[in-house]
Every structure is written in C-alpha cells, then in structure tokens.
Protein backbone atom coordinates (compact mmCIF):
# COMPACT_ATOMS: atom_id res chain seq x y z
CA UNK A 1 0.32 0.38 -0.33
CA UNK A 2 1.37 3.51 -0.67
CA UNK A 3 -0.16 6.35 0.99
CA UNK A 4 1.25 10.00 0.28
CA UNK A 5 0.00 13.00 1.53
CA UNK A 6 1.45 16.56 1.06
CA UNK A 7 1.25 17.42 4.25
CA UNK A 8 3.13 14.55 6.08
CA UNK A 9 6.32 16.32 7.06
CA UNK A 10 4.28 18.09 9.30
CA UNK A 11 3.64 15.25 11.26
CA UNK A 12 7.41 14.34 11.86
CA UNK A 13 8.40 18.05 11.55
CA UNK A 14 11.97 17.34 12.95
CA UNK A 15 12.56 13.94 10.86
CA UNK A 16 11.42 15.55 7.75
CA UNK A 17 13.70 19.55 8.87
CA UNK A 18 16.49 16.72 9.18
CA UNK A 19 16.07 14.80 5.93
CA UNK A 20 15.54 18.61 3.72
CA UNK A 21 18.99 19.77 5.58
CA UNK A 22 20.37 16.77 3.99
CA UNK A 23 19.31 17.12 1.48
CA UNK A 24 20.08 21.03 0.38
CA UNK A 25 22.60 21.90 2.60
CA UNK A 26 25.38 20.57 0.13
CA UNK A 27 23.76 22.73 -2.67
CA UNK A 28 23.66 26.32 -0.16
CA UNK A 29 27.55 25.41 0.47
CA UNK A 30 28.34 25.85 -2.50
CA UNK A 31 26.58 28.46 -3.52
CA UNK A 32 28.14 30.51 -0.70
CA UNK A 33 31.65 29.58 -1.36
CA UNK A 34 31.78 29.92 -4.60
CA UNK A 35 29.46 32.45 -5.69
CA UNK A 36 26.43 32.25 -7.41
CA UNK A 37 27.77 32.24 -11.06
CA UNK A 38 30.66 30.59 -9.97
CA UNK A 39 28.47 27.48 -8.65
CA UNK A 40 25.89 27.22 -11.32
CA UNK A 41 28.61 27.06 -14.05
CA UNK A 42 29.92 24.65 -11.94
CA UNK A 43 27.02 22.42 -10.82
CA UNK A 44 23.91 21.13 -13.41
CA UNK A 45 22.28 20.09 -10.64
CA UNK A 46 21.80 23.83 -9.94
CA UNK A 47 21.97 25.33 -13.58
CA UNK A 48 18.30 23.15 -14.06
CA UNK A 49 16.79 24.69 -10.54
CA UNK A 50 17.21 28.02 -12.15
CA UNK A 51 13.87 29.25 -13.09
CA UNK A 52 14.05 33.24 -13.68
CA UNK A 53 16.97 35.08 -14.67
CA UNK A 54 17.74 38.54 -14.85
CA UNK A 55 14.28 39.11 -14.68
CA UNK A 56 13.98 36.00 -17.68
CA UNK A 57 11.64 32.80 -17.65
CA UNK A 58 15.21 29.93 -17.93
CA UNK A 59 12.18 27.30 -17.38
CA UNK A 60 10.36 25.28 -20.70
CA UNK A 61 7.31 24.27 -17.61
CA UNK A 62 7.20 27.73 -16.09
CA UNK A 63 7.18 29.92 -19.45
CA UNK A 64 4.74 26.49 -20.58
CA UNK A 65 2.32 27.64 -18.01
CA UNK A 66 2.61 31.82 -18.35
CA UNK A 67 2.45 31.23 -21.96
CA UNK A 68 5.96 33.67 -21.78
CA UNK A 69 9.04 32.89 -23.93
CA UNK A 70 11.73 30.32 -22.47
CA UNK A 71 15.55 31.88 -22.61
CA UNK A 72 18.38 29.37 -21.85
CA UNK A 73 20.17 30.55 -19.36
CA UNK A 74 23.31 32.69 -19.99
CA UNK A 75 24.90 33.22 -16.84
C-alpha cells in the first residue's frame, strides 16, 4: 500500500527538517563558497534549478504555464 499526503512532513517535523537539510545543505554551501555564477557554471543540478534569471524565464515548464518565452540561461 502506498499513502501520500502533501502535508505528511508536518506529522514528523524534526525528521523532515533533517531530511530536507541533508538534501539541500551541500547546494547551499556550494553557493556560499563559490558564489552564484561559479556554482551554477560548475553544477548542472543548480543550473537546472534556475527558473528565472535577470527577469527572463529560463525554465520551459514555467514559460509554458505562463505562456511566456523561454530563454536559455546565460550566466
């Protein structure tokens, strides 16, 4: 059986906080240590997470949802 509810992390806030921190801390440290431009240039996962940059939509899904033009990220 599979059970999925969007607010399940609210039932175990401490555990879910640790899980989120473990999943994201390395990205935060990379951004802090290298700065945005270098971190994004060197890390494809960070680059894929950019939806809007300098006022331009860089994510196809976001552009389609809002019927806007999508432009490639130019860092």
